[in-house]
């Protein structure tokens, strides 16, 4: 059965969110939704998320799923906000618990429960999420992060950060528990879906200021991807990826984003004053004479 895919571009983080709906039943899934976040002001805003809500309501859609391809480090998820507004169940890869454990320790969050219970459904390889007269099949595609998954529906796949458009290559693998070797294996799994499968990106950074692009076929990736083209070995890919990762800066929103995203977008507990806070770990302090 056919589904309709509607992309939405969050320019501030170069994120692509999608509303996928069944034409027959009008059930829909929202994939990788974003909240606006002004890091300098510490301000969350719902302007982008309201675009998704307006679309759902204008087309009389019924939200069944709000799906994350992984716990993002570059934008704040709108999953809980949309669930509270529109209903539906939140879903994420089951290995999000590994990400939760890592960042529970990094941010010193003793009260945080790292069992994935902040999400309604944790998915594993070959699980299916029914959407109207179709269903998403889950592929575990780690490498960028351990919890990364791909959602396949008919001949379309939502691949998170595993691949970008061919001129941008592939995702970085230098996050905790990331692995270029694992990412190579995951990409081969995606390529095995077939040359005519359409892949939907989670980001488009528009290199050389080209126009926005958000999907391409497996065949186009095999031919043109700058990092993982047909014939490249796992060893050669890992060298390319690891050299590239060594030159990258820490994502601008990684600390605020992950503190919220490991909670499915829920806020941390407020302080006694009622104010909410996010933490920023300090590095380099061992080189400075600033300690008491």
C-alpha atoms as a PDB file:
ATOM      1  CA  UNK A   1       0.000   0.000   0.000  1.00  0.00           C
ATOM      2  CA  UNK A   2       1.187   3.501  -0.740  1.00  0.00           C
ATOM      3  CA  UNK A   3       2.406   6.047   1.786  1.00  0.00           C
ATOM      4  CA  UNK A   4       2.919   9.777   1.359  1.00  0.00           C
ATOM      5  CA  UNK A   5       6.172  11.307   2.589  1.00  0.00           C
ATOM      6  CA  UNK A   6       6.270  15.001   3.492  1.00  0.00           C
ATOM      7  CA  UNK A   7       9.679  16.491   4.392  1.00  0.00           C
ATOM      8  CA  UNK A   8      10.279  19.489   6.670  1.00  0.00           C
ATOM      9  CA  UNK A   9      13.648  21.246   6.903  1.00  0.00           C
ATOM     10  CA  UNK A  10      14.902  22.698  10.184  1.00  0.00           C
ATOM     11  CA  UNK A  11      17.440  25.136   8.808  1.00  0.00           C
ATOM     12  CA  UNK A  12      19.041  25.994  12.149  1.00  0.00           C
ATOM     13  CA  UNK A  13      20.335  22.424  12.553  1.00  0.00           C
ATOM     14  CA  UNK A  14      20.125  21.278   8.903  1.00  0.00           C
ATOM     15  CA  UNK A  15      17.742  18.570  10.112  1.00  0.00           C
ATOM     16  CA  UNK A  16      15.108  16.862   7.984  1.00  0.00           C
ATOM     17  CA  UNK A  17      11.969  15.721   9.754  1.00  0.00           C
ATOM     18  CA  UNK A  18       9.295  13.691   7.998  1.00  0.00           C
ATOM     19  CA  UNK A  19       5.587  13.056   8.246  1.00  0.00           C
ATOM     20  CA  UNK A  20       4.781   9.700   6.651  1.00  0.00           C
ATOM     21  CA  UNK A  21       1.123   8.837   6.250  1.00  0.00           C
ATOM     22  CA  UNK A  22      -1.002   6.009   4.912  1.00  0.00           C
ATOM     23  CA  UNK A  23      -3.310   7.294   2.198  1.00  0.00           C
ATOM     24  CA  UNK A  24      -6.065   4.846   3.054  1.00  0.00           C
ATOM     25  CA  UNK A  25      -6.253   5.175   6.850  1.00  0.00           C
ATOM     26  CA  UNK A  26      -4.617   8.605   7.389  1.00  0.00           C
ATOM     27  CA  UNK A  27      -2.459   7.157  10.151  1.00  0.00           C
ATOM     28  CA  UNK A  28       0.916   8.866  10.255  1.00  0.00           C
ATOM     29  CA  UNK A  29       4.388   8.645  11.714  1.00  0.00           C
ATOM     30  CA  UNK A  30       6.618  11.610  12.484  1.00  0.00           C
ATOM     31  CA  UNK A  31      10.315  10.840  12.101  1.00  0.00           C
ATOM     32  CA  UNK A  32      13.148  12.806  13.770  1.00  0.00           C
ATOM     33  CA  UNK A  33      11.173  15.933  14.779  1.00  0.00           C
ATOM     34  CA  UNK A  34      13.118  18.951  16.049  1.00  0.00           C
ATOM     35  CA  UNK A  35      12.547  21.670  18.631  1.00  0.00           C
ATOM     36  CA  UNK A  36      14.152  25.077  18.222  1.00  0.00           C
ATOM     37  CA  UNK A  37      16.872  25.807  20.770  1.00  0.00           C
ATOM     38  CA  UNK A  38      18.781  29.047  21.219  1.00  0.00           C
ATOM     39  CA  UNK A  39      21.907  27.855  23.010  1.00  0.00           C
ATOM     40  CA  UNK A  40      23.071  31.352  23.928  1.00  0.00           C
ATOM     41  CA  UNK A  41      19.775  32.289  25.560  1.00  0.00           C
ATOM     42  CA  UNK A  42      19.036  28.774  26.842  1.00  0.00           C
ATOM     43  CA  UNK A  43      15.628  29.092  25.200  1.00  0.00           C
ATOM     44  CA  UNK A  44      13.484  26.287  23.794  1.00  0.00           C
ATOM     45  CA  UNK A  45      10.882  27.184  21.181  1.00  0.00           C
ATOM     46  CA  UNK A  46       8.195  25.279  19.295  1.00  0.00           C
ATOM     47  CA  UNK A  47       8.084  27.230  16.006  1.00  0.00           C
ATOM     48  CA  UNK A  48       9.348  24.361  13.856  1.00  0.00           C
ATOM     49  CA  UNK A  49       7.376  21.703  15.712  1.00  0.00           C
ATOM     50  CA  UNK A  50       4.201  23.720  15.153  1.00  0.00           C
ATOM     51  CA  UNK A  51       4.755  23.383  11.402  1.00  0.00           C
ATOM     52  CA  UNK A  52       4.484  19.621  11.838  1.00  0.00           C
ATOM     53  CA  UNK A  53       1.372  20.006  13.986  1.00  0.00           C
ATOM     54  CA  UNK A  54      -0.254  22.346  11.472  1.00  0.00           C
ATOM     55  CA  UNK A  55       0.404  19.849   8.666  1.00  0.00           C
ATOM     56  CA  UNK A  56      -0.993  16.911  10.626  1.00  0.00           C
ATOM     57  CA  UNK A  57      -4.126  18.824  11.553  1.00  0.00           C
ATOM     58  CA  UNK A  58      -4.642  20.334   8.083  1.00  0.00           C
ATOM     59  CA  UNK A  59      -4.618  16.851   6.552  1.00  0.00           C
ATOM     60  CA  UNK A  60      -6.708  15.237   9.328  1.00  0.00           C
ATOM     61  CA  UNK A  61      -3.934  12.764  10.092  1.00  0.00           C
ATOM     62  CA  UNK A  62      -3.835  10.526  13.150  1.00  0.00           C
ATOM     63  CA  UNK A  63      -0.406  10.238  14.747  1.00  0.00           C
ATOM     64  CA  UNK A  64       0.479   6.657  15.575  1.00  0.00           C
ATOM     65  CA  UNK A  65       4.265   6.890  15.902  1.00  0.00           C
ATOM     66  CA  UNK A  66       6.906   9.501  16.739  1.00  0.00           C
ATOM     67  CA  UNK A  67      10.117   7.789  15.721  1.00  0.00           C
ATOM     68  CA  UNK A  68      13.771   8.576  16.401  1.00  0.00           C
ATOM     69  CA  UNK A  69      16.525   7.134  14.237  1.00  0.00           C
ATOM     70  CA  UNK A  70      18.936   7.686  17.165  1.00  0.00           C
ATOM     71  CA  UNK A  71      19.598  10.016  20.094  1.00  0.00           C
ATOM     72  CA  UNK A  72      20.709  13.097  18.189  1.00  0.00           C
ATOM     73  CA  UNK A  73      23.660  15.275  19.161  1.00  0.00           C
ATOM     74  CA  UNK A  74      22.864  18.184  16.847  1.00  0.00           C
ATOM     75  CA  UNK A  75      19.265  19.098  17.588  1.00  0.00           C
ATOM     76  CA  UNK A  76      16.726  18.780  20.386  1.00  0.00           C
ATOM     77  CA  UNK A  77      13.946  16.320  19.722  1.00  0.00           C
ATOM     78  CA  UNK A  78      10.323  17.466  19.732  1.00  0.00           C
ATOM     79  CA  UNK A  79       9.100  13.916  20.453  1.00  0.00           C
ATOM     80  CA  UNK A  80       7.519  14.551  23.853  1.00  0.00           C
ATOM     81  CA  UNK A  81       6.121  17.922  22.791  1.00  0.00           C
ATOM     82  CA  UNK A  82       4.403  16.353  19.778  1.00  0.00           C
ATOM     83  CA  UNK A  83       3.176  13.384  21.781  1.00  0.00           C
ATOM     84  CA  UNK A  84       1.535  15.703  24.283  1.00  0.00           C
ATOM     85  CA  UNK A  85      -0.081  17.707  21.465  1.00  0.00           C
ATOM     86  CA  UNK A  86      -1.005  14.975  18.996  1.00  0.00           C
ATOM     87  CA  UNK A  87      -0.810  11.608  20.737  1.00  0.00           C
ATOM     88  CA  UNK A  88       1.040   8.615  19.363  1.00  0.00           C
ATOM     89  CA  UNK A  89       3.846   6.477  20.780  1.00  0.00           C
ATOM     90  CA  UNK A  90       7.530   7.357  20.819  1.00  0.00           C
ATOM     91  CA  UNK A  91       9.977   4.799  19.427  1.00  0.00           C
ATOM     92  CA  UNK A  92      13.774   4.517  19.428  1.00  0.00           C
ATOM     93  CA  UNK A  93      16.412   1.828  18.974  1.00  0.00           C
ATOM     94  CA  UNK A  94      16.857  -0.387  22.025  1.00  0.00           C
ATOM     95  CA  UNK A  95      20.557   0.468  22.278  1.00  0.00           C
ATOM     96  CA  UNK A  96      19.574   3.967  23.380  1.00  0.00           C
ATOM     97  CA  UNK A  97      20.169   2.504  26.847  1.00  0.00           C
ATOM     98  CA  UNK A  98      23.889   2.395  26.016  1.00  0.00           C
ATOM     99  CA  UNK A  99      23.785   6.090  25.080  1.00  0.00           C
ATOM    100  CA  UNK A 100      21.847   6.835  28.263  1.00  0.00           C
ATOM    101  CA  UNK A 101      24.439   5.088  30.421  1.00  0.00           C
ATOM    102  CA  UNK A 102      27.297   7.000  28.783  1.00  0.00           C
ATOM    103  CA  UNK A 103      25.744  10.410  29.226  1.00  0.00           C
ATOM    104  CA  UNK A 104      24.270   9.669  32.640  1.00  0.00           C
ATOM    105  CA  UNK A 105      27.884   9.278  33.766  1.00  0.00           C
ATOM    106  CA  UNK A 106      29.211  12.252  31.781  1.00  0.00           C
ATOM    107  CA  UNK A 107      26.561  14.641  33.108  1.00  0.00           C
ATOM    108  CA  UNK A 108      26.486  13.090  36.612  1.00  0.00           C
ATOM    109  CA  UNK A 109      22.747  12.375  36.642  1.00  0.00           C
ATOM    110  CA  UNK A 110      22.292   9.947  39.553  1.00  0.00           C
ATOM    111  CA  UNK A 111      18.498  10.296  39.448  1.00  0.00           C
ATOM    112  CA  UNK A 112      18.251   9.424  35.746  1.00  0.00           C
ATOM    113  CA  UNK A 113      16.910   5.959  34.908  1.00  0.00           C
ATOM    114  CA  UNK A 114      18.900   4.494  32.003  1.00  0.00           C
ATOM    115  CA  UNK A 115      16.533   1.703  30.930  1.00  0.00           C
ATOM    116  CA  UNK A 116      14.925   3.397  27.909  1.00  0.00           C
ATOM    117  CA  UNK A 117      11.594   3.770  29.720  1.00  0.00           C
ATOM    118  CA  UNK A 118      11.354   7.411  28.598  1.00  0.00           C
ATOM    119  CA  UNK A 119      10.307   5.995  25.193  1.00  0.00           C
ATOM    120  CA  UNK A 120       7.102   4.031  24.678  1.00  0.00           C
ATOM    121  CA  UNK A 121       8.690   1.413  22.408  1.00  0.00           C
ATOM    122  CA  UNK A 122      12.290   0.253  22.025  1.00  0.00           C
ATOM    123  CA  UNK A 123      12.890  -1.473  18.696  1.00  0.00           C
ATOM    124  CA  UNK A 124      15.308  -4.163  17.555  1.00  0.00           C
ATOM    125  CA  UNK A 125      16.374  -5.763  14.277  1.00  0.00           C
ATOM    126  CA  UNK A 126      13.407  -6.970  12.161  1.00  0.00           C
ATOM    127  CA  UNK A 127      10.781  -5.468  14.465  1.00  0.00           C
ATOM    128  CA  UNK A 128       7.801  -4.001  12.639  1.00  0.00           C
ATOM    129  CA  UNK A 129       5.832  -0.852  13.417  1.00  0.00           C
ATOM    130  CA  UNK A 130       2.458  -1.002  11.703  1.00  0.00           C
ATOM    131  CA  UNK A 131       1.259   2.170   9.994  1.00  0.00           C
ATOM    132  CA  UNK A 132      -2.188   1.874   8.473  1.00  0.00           C
ATOM    133  CA  UNK A 133      -2.024  -0.693   5.673  1.00  0.00           C
ATOM    134  CA  UNK A 134       1.783  -0.729   5.631  1.00  0.00           C
ATOM    135  CA  UNK A 135       4.506  -1.192   8.209  1.00  0.00           C
ATOM    136  CA  UNK A 136       8.037  -0.047   8.972  1.00  0.00           C
ATOM    137  CA  UNK A 137      10.673  -2.757   9.290  1.00  0.00           C
ATOM    138  CA  UNK A 138      13.554  -1.959  11.620  1.00  0.00           C
ATOM    139  CA  UNK A 139      17.188  -2.435  10.654  1.00  0.00           C
ATOM    140  CA  UNK A 140      19.833  -1.894  13.310  1.00  0.00           C
ATOM    141  CA  UNK A 141      22.496   0.305  11.680  1.00  0.00           C
ATOM    142  CA  UNK A 142      25.047   1.264  14.359  1.00  0.00           C
ATOM    143  CA  UNK A 143      28.367   2.981  13.783  1.00  0.00           C
ATOM    144  CA  UNK A 144      27.485   6.648  14.070  1.00  0.00           C
ATOM    145  CA  UNK A 145      25.906   5.823  17.438  1.00  0.00           C
ATOM    146  CA  UNK A 146      25.154   2.411  18.973  1.00  0.00           C
ATOM    147  CA  UNK A 147      21.400   3.046  18.936  1.00  0.00           C
ATOM    148  CA  UNK A 148      21.140   4.059  15.266  1.00  0.00           C
ATOM    149  CA  UNK A 149      18.331   2.349  13.353  1.00  0.00           C
ATOM    150  CA  UNK A 150      16.875   2.567   9.855  1.00  0.00           C
ATOM    151  CA  UNK A 151      13.122   2.414   9.242  1.00  0.00           C
ATOM    152  CA  UNK A 152      12.132   0.729   5.960  1.00  0.00           C
ATOM    153  CA  UNK A 153       8.623   1.026   4.553  1.00  0.00           C
ATOM    154  CA  UNK A 154       7.892  -0.435   1.127  1.00  0.00           C
ATOM    155  CA  UNK A 155      10.800   0.719  -1.087  1.00  0.00           C
ATOM    156  CA  UNK A 156      11.724   3.701   1.108  1.00  0.00           C
ATOM    157  CA  UNK A 157      14.166   3.898   4.007  1.00  0.00           C
ATOM    158  CA  UNK A 158      14.727   6.553   6.666  1.00  0.00           C
ATOM    159  CA  UNK A 159      18.384   6.180   7.498  1.00  0.00           C
ATOM    160  CA  UNK A 160      19.116   8.793  10.164  1.00  0.00           C
ATOM    161  CA  UNK A 161      22.735   9.991  10.074  1.00  0.00           C
ATOM    162  CA  UNK A 162      24.177   6.799   8.595  1.00  0.00           C
ATOM    163  CA  UNK A 163      24.558   8.429   5.165  1.00  0.00           C
ATOM    164  CA  UNK A 164      24.183  11.971   3.905  1.00  0.00           C
ATOM    165  CA  UNK A 165      23.584  13.004   0.331  1.00  0.00           C
ATOM    166  CA  UNK A 166      26.433  11.578  -1.790  1.00  0.00           C
ATOM    167  CA  UNK A 167      28.385  14.847  -1.918  1.00  0.00           C
ATOM    168  CA  UNK A 168      28.533  14.927   1.909  1.00  0.00           C
ATOM    169  CA  UNK A 169      29.548  11.302   2.468  1.00  0.00           C
ATOM    170  CA  UNK A 170      28.753   9.538   5.719  1.00  0.00           C
ATOM    171  CA  UNK A 171      28.216  10.249   9.402  1.00  0.00           C
ATOM    172  CA  UNK A 172      31.016  10.781  11.894  1.00  0.00           C
ATOM    173  CA  UNK A 173      31.950   7.850  14.106  1.00  0.00           C
ATOM    174  CA  UNK A 174      33.869   9.524  16.955  1.00  0.00           C
ATOM    175  CA  UNK A 175      30.997   9.690  19.436  1.00  0.00           C
ATOM    176  CA  UNK A 176      31.073   7.297  22.415  1.00  0.00           C
ATOM    177  CA  UNK A 177      30.769   3.693  21.156  1.00  0.00           C
ATOM    178  CA  UNK A 178      30.871   4.857  17.553  1.00  0.00           C
ATOM    179  CA  UNK A 179      32.766   2.728  15.043  1.00  0.00           C
ATOM    180  CA  UNK A 180      33.756   3.289  11.424  1.00  0.00           C
ATOM    181  CA  UNK A 181      33.949  -0.475  10.911  1.00  0.00           C
ATOM    182  CA  UNK A 182      30.403  -0.899  12.223  1.00  0.00           C
ATOM    183  CA  UNK A 183      29.156   1.974  10.113  1.00  0.00           C
ATOM    184  CA  UNK A 184      30.631   0.378   6.987  1.00  0.00           C
ATOM    185  CA  UNK A 185      28.750  -2.849   7.778  1.00  0.00           C
ATOM    186  CA  UNK A 186      25.541  -0.906   8.398  1.00  0.00           C
ATOM    187  CA  UNK A 187      25.875   0.924   5.090  1.00  0.00           C
ATOM    188  CA  UNK A 188      26.314  -2.381   3.263  1.00  0.00           C
ATOM    189  CA  UNK A 189      23.080  -3.545   4.903  1.00  0.00           C
ATOM    190  CA  UNK A 190      21.332  -0.441   3.566  1.00  0.00           C
ATOM    191  CA  UNK A 191      22.852  -0.934   0.105  1.00  0.00           C
ATOM    192  CA  UNK A 192      21.505  -4.500   0.132  1.00  0.00           C
ATOM    193  CA  UNK A 193      17.953  -3.110   0.172  1.00  0.00           C
ATOM    194  CA  UNK A 194      18.306  -2.746  -3.588  1.00  0.00           C
ATOM    195  CA  UNK A 195      19.374  -0.099  -6.082  1.00  0.00           C
ATOM    196  CA  UNK A 196      15.864   1.303  -6.525  1.00  0.00           C
ATOM    197  CA  UNK A 197      15.257   1.857  -2.804  1.00  0.00           C
ATOM    198  CA  UNK A 198      14.894   5.555  -1.975  1.00  0.00           C
ATOM    199  CA  UNK A 199      16.912   6.709   1.033  1.00  0.00           C
ATOM    200  CA  UNK A 200      15.714   9.666   3.115  1.00  0.00           C
ATOM    201  CA  UNK A 201      18.377  11.688   4.923  1.00  0.00           C
ATOM    202  CA  UNK A 202      18.164  13.145   8.415  1.00  0.00           C
ATOM    203  CA  UNK A 203      20.450  16.059   7.502  1.00  0.00           C
ATOM    204  CA  UNK A 204      21.497  18.025   4.472  1.00  0.00           C
ATOM    205  CA  UNK A 205      24.346  20.474   4.977  1.00  0.00           C
ATOM    206  CA  UNK A 206      24.077  21.841   1.420  1.00  0.00           C
ATOM    207  CA  UNK A 207      27.793  21.858   0.528  1.00  0.00           C
ATOM    208  CA  UNK A 208      28.887  24.620  -1.814  1.00  0.00           C
ATOM    209  CA  UNK A 209      25.525  26.294  -1.074  1.00  0.00           C
ATOM    210  CA  UNK A 210      23.651  23.935  -3.373  1.00  0.00           C
ATOM    211  CA  UNK A 211      19.875  23.623  -3.126  1.00  0.00           C
ATOM    212  CA  UNK A 212      18.333  21.445  -0.431  1.00  0.00           C
ATOM    213  CA  UNK A 213      18.269  17.730  -1.213  1.00  0.00           C
ATOM    214  CA  UNK A 214      16.851  15.095   1.080  1.00  0.00           C
ATOM    215  CA  UNK A 215      16.603  11.770  -0.771  1.00  0.00           C
ATOM    216  CA  UNK A 216      18.332   9.655  -3.378  1.00  0.00           C
ATOM    217  CA  UNK A 217      18.461   6.023  -4.438  1.00  0.00           C
ATOM    218  CA  UNK A 218      20.806   3.318  -3.235  1.00  0.00           C
ATOM    219  CA  UNK A 219      22.245   3.237  -6.761  1.00  0.00           C
ATOM    220  CA  UNK A 220      23.105   6.943  -6.558  1.00  0.00           C
ATOM    221  CA  UNK A 221      24.856   6.431  -3.227  1.00  0.00           C
ATOM    222  CA  UNK A 222      26.872   3.491  -4.529  1.00  0.00           C
ATOM    223  CA  UNK A 223      28.000   5.495  -7.543  1.00  0.00           C
ATOM    224  CA  UNK A 224      28.599   8.911  -6.029  1.00  0.00           C
ATOM    225  CA  UNK A 225      29.073   8.801  -2.258  1.00  0.00           C
ATOM    226  CA  UNK A 226      32.383  10.494  -1.540  1.00  0.00           C
ATOM    227  CA  UNK A 227      33.236   8.137   1.339  1.00  0.00           C
ATOM    228  CA  UNK A 228      31.616   4.761   0.703  1.00  0.00           C
ATOM    229  CA  UNK A 229      31.301   4.144  -3.037  1.00  0.00           C
ATOM    230  CA  UNK A 230      31.054   0.718  -4.650  1.00  0.00           C
ATOM    231  CA  UNK A 231      34.245  -1.304  -4.302  1.00  0.00           C
ATOM    232  CA  UNK A 232      35.793   0.515  -1.352  1.00  0.00           C
ATOM    233  CA  UNK A 233      37.005  -1.866   1.339  1.00  0.00           C
ATOM    234  CA  UNK A 234      36.077  -1.635   4.986  1.00  0.00           C
ATOM    235  CA  UNK A 235      39.693  -0.855   5.853  1.00  0.00           C
ATOM    236  CA  UNK A 236      39.997   1.966   3.325  1.00  0.00           C
ATOM    237  CA  UNK A 237      36.661   3.430   4.380  1.00  0.00           C
ATOM    238  CA  UNK A 238      37.689   3.360   8.055  1.00  0.00           C
ATOM    239  CA  UNK A 239      40.873   5.296   7.226  1.00  0.00           C
ATOM    240  CA  UNK A 240      38.880   7.949   5.337  1.00  0.00           C
ATOM    241  CA  UNK A 241      36.303   8.231   8.097  1.00  0.00           C
ATOM    242  CA  UNK A 242      38.725   8.306  11.000  1.00  0.00           C
ATOM    243  CA  UNK A 243      40.954  10.909   9.318  1.00  0.00           C
ATOM    244  CA  UNK A 244      37.902  13.043   8.687  1.00  0.00           C
ATOM    245  CA  UNK A 245      36.650  12.649  12.265  1.00  0.00           C
ATOM    246  CA  UNK A 246      39.990  13.808  13.650  1.00  0.00           C
ATOM    247  CA  UNK A 247      39.411  17.175  11.962  1.00  0.00           C
ATOM    248  CA  UNK A 248      35.861  17.749  13.202  1.00  0.00           C
ATOM    249  CA  UNK A 249      34.789  19.977  16.061  1.00  0.00           C
ATOM    250  CA  UNK A 250      32.393  18.857  18.781  1.00  0.00           C
ATOM    251  CA  UNK A 251      28.803  19.483  17.593  1.00  0.00           C
ATOM    252  CA  UNK A 252      27.580  22.844  18.844  1.00  0.00           C
ATOM    253  CA  UNK A 253      24.473  21.459  20.560  1.00  0.00           C
ATOM    254  CA  UNK A 254      25.782  18.105  21.760  1.00  0.00           C
ATOM    255  CA  UNK A 255      25.538  18.825  25.510  1.00  0.00           C
ATOM    256  CA  UNK A 256      22.072  20.380  25.673  1.00  0.00           C
ATOM    257  CA  UNK A 257      20.695  18.104  22.950  1.00  0.00           C
ATOM    258  CA  UNK A 258      21.745  14.836  24.533  1.00  0.00           C
ATOM    259  CA  UNK A 259      20.552  15.786  28.013  1.00  0.00           C
ATOM    260  CA  UNK A 260      17.084  16.210  26.530  1.00  0.00           C
ATOM    261  CA  UNK A 261      17.194  13.556  23.811  1.00  0.00           C
ATOM    262  CA  UNK A 262      18.093  10.650  26.107  1.00  0.00           C
ATOM    263  CA  UNK A 263      14.830  11.597  27.840  1.00  0.00           C
ATOM    264  CA  UNK A 264      12.809  11.537  24.559  1.00  0.00           C
ATOM    265  CA  UNK A 265      12.694  15.333  24.791  1.00  0.00           C
ATOM    266  CA  UNK A 266      11.420  15.517  28.356  1.00  0.00           C
ATOM    267  CA  UNK A 267      12.877  18.171  30.639  1.00  0.00           C
ATOM    268  CA  UNK A 268      15.223  17.229  33.485  1.00  0.00           C
ATOM    269  CA  UNK A 269      13.856  17.690  37.023  1.00  0.00           C
ATOM    270  CA  UNK A 270      13.702  21.360  38.076  1.00  0.00           C
ATOM    271  CA  UNK A 271      15.836  22.779  40.861  1.00  0.00           C
ATOM    272  CA  UNK A 272      14.250  23.784  44.174  1.00  0.00           C
ATOM    273  CA  UNK A 273      13.518  27.232  42.718  1.00  0.00           C
ATOM    274  CA  UNK A 274      11.443  25.697  39.924  1.00  0.00           C
ATOM    275  CA  UNK A 275      14.040  26.662  37.296  1.00  0.00           C
ATOM    276  CA  UNK A 276      15.296  24.057  34.809  1.00  0.00           C
ATOM    277  CA  UNK A 277      19.012  23.698  34.068  1.00  0.00           C
ATOM    278  CA  UNK A 278      21.266  21.843  31.659  1.00  0.00           C
ATOM    279  CA  UNK A 279      24.896  21.008  32.434  1.00  0.00           C
ATOM    280  CA  UNK A 280      28.074  21.692  30.460  1.00  0.00           C
ATOM    281  CA  UNK A 281      31.072  19.528  31.373  1.00  0.00           C
ATOM    282  CA  UNK A 282      34.310  21.522  31.557  1.00  0.00           C
ATOM    283  CA  UNK A 283      37.519  20.246  29.973  1.00  0.00           C
ATOM    284  CA  UNK A 284      41.070  21.552  30.115  1.00  0.00           C
ATOM    285  CA  UNK A 285      40.827  22.416  33.808  1.00  0.00           C
ATOM    286  CA  UNK A 286      43.908  20.298  34.612  1.00  0.00           C
ATOM    287  CA  UNK A 287      46.027  22.872  32.747  1.00  0.00           C
ATOM    288  CA  UNK A 288      44.660  25.899  34.593  1.00  0.00           C
ATOM    289  CA  UNK A 289      45.368  27.101  38.139  1.00  0.00           C
ATOM    290  CA  UNK A 290      41.691  27.710  38.905  1.00  0.00           C
ATOM    291  CA  UNK A 291      40.903  25.065  41.507  1.00  0.00           C
ATOM    292  CA  UNK A 292      40.340  26.014  45.133  1.00  0.00           C
END
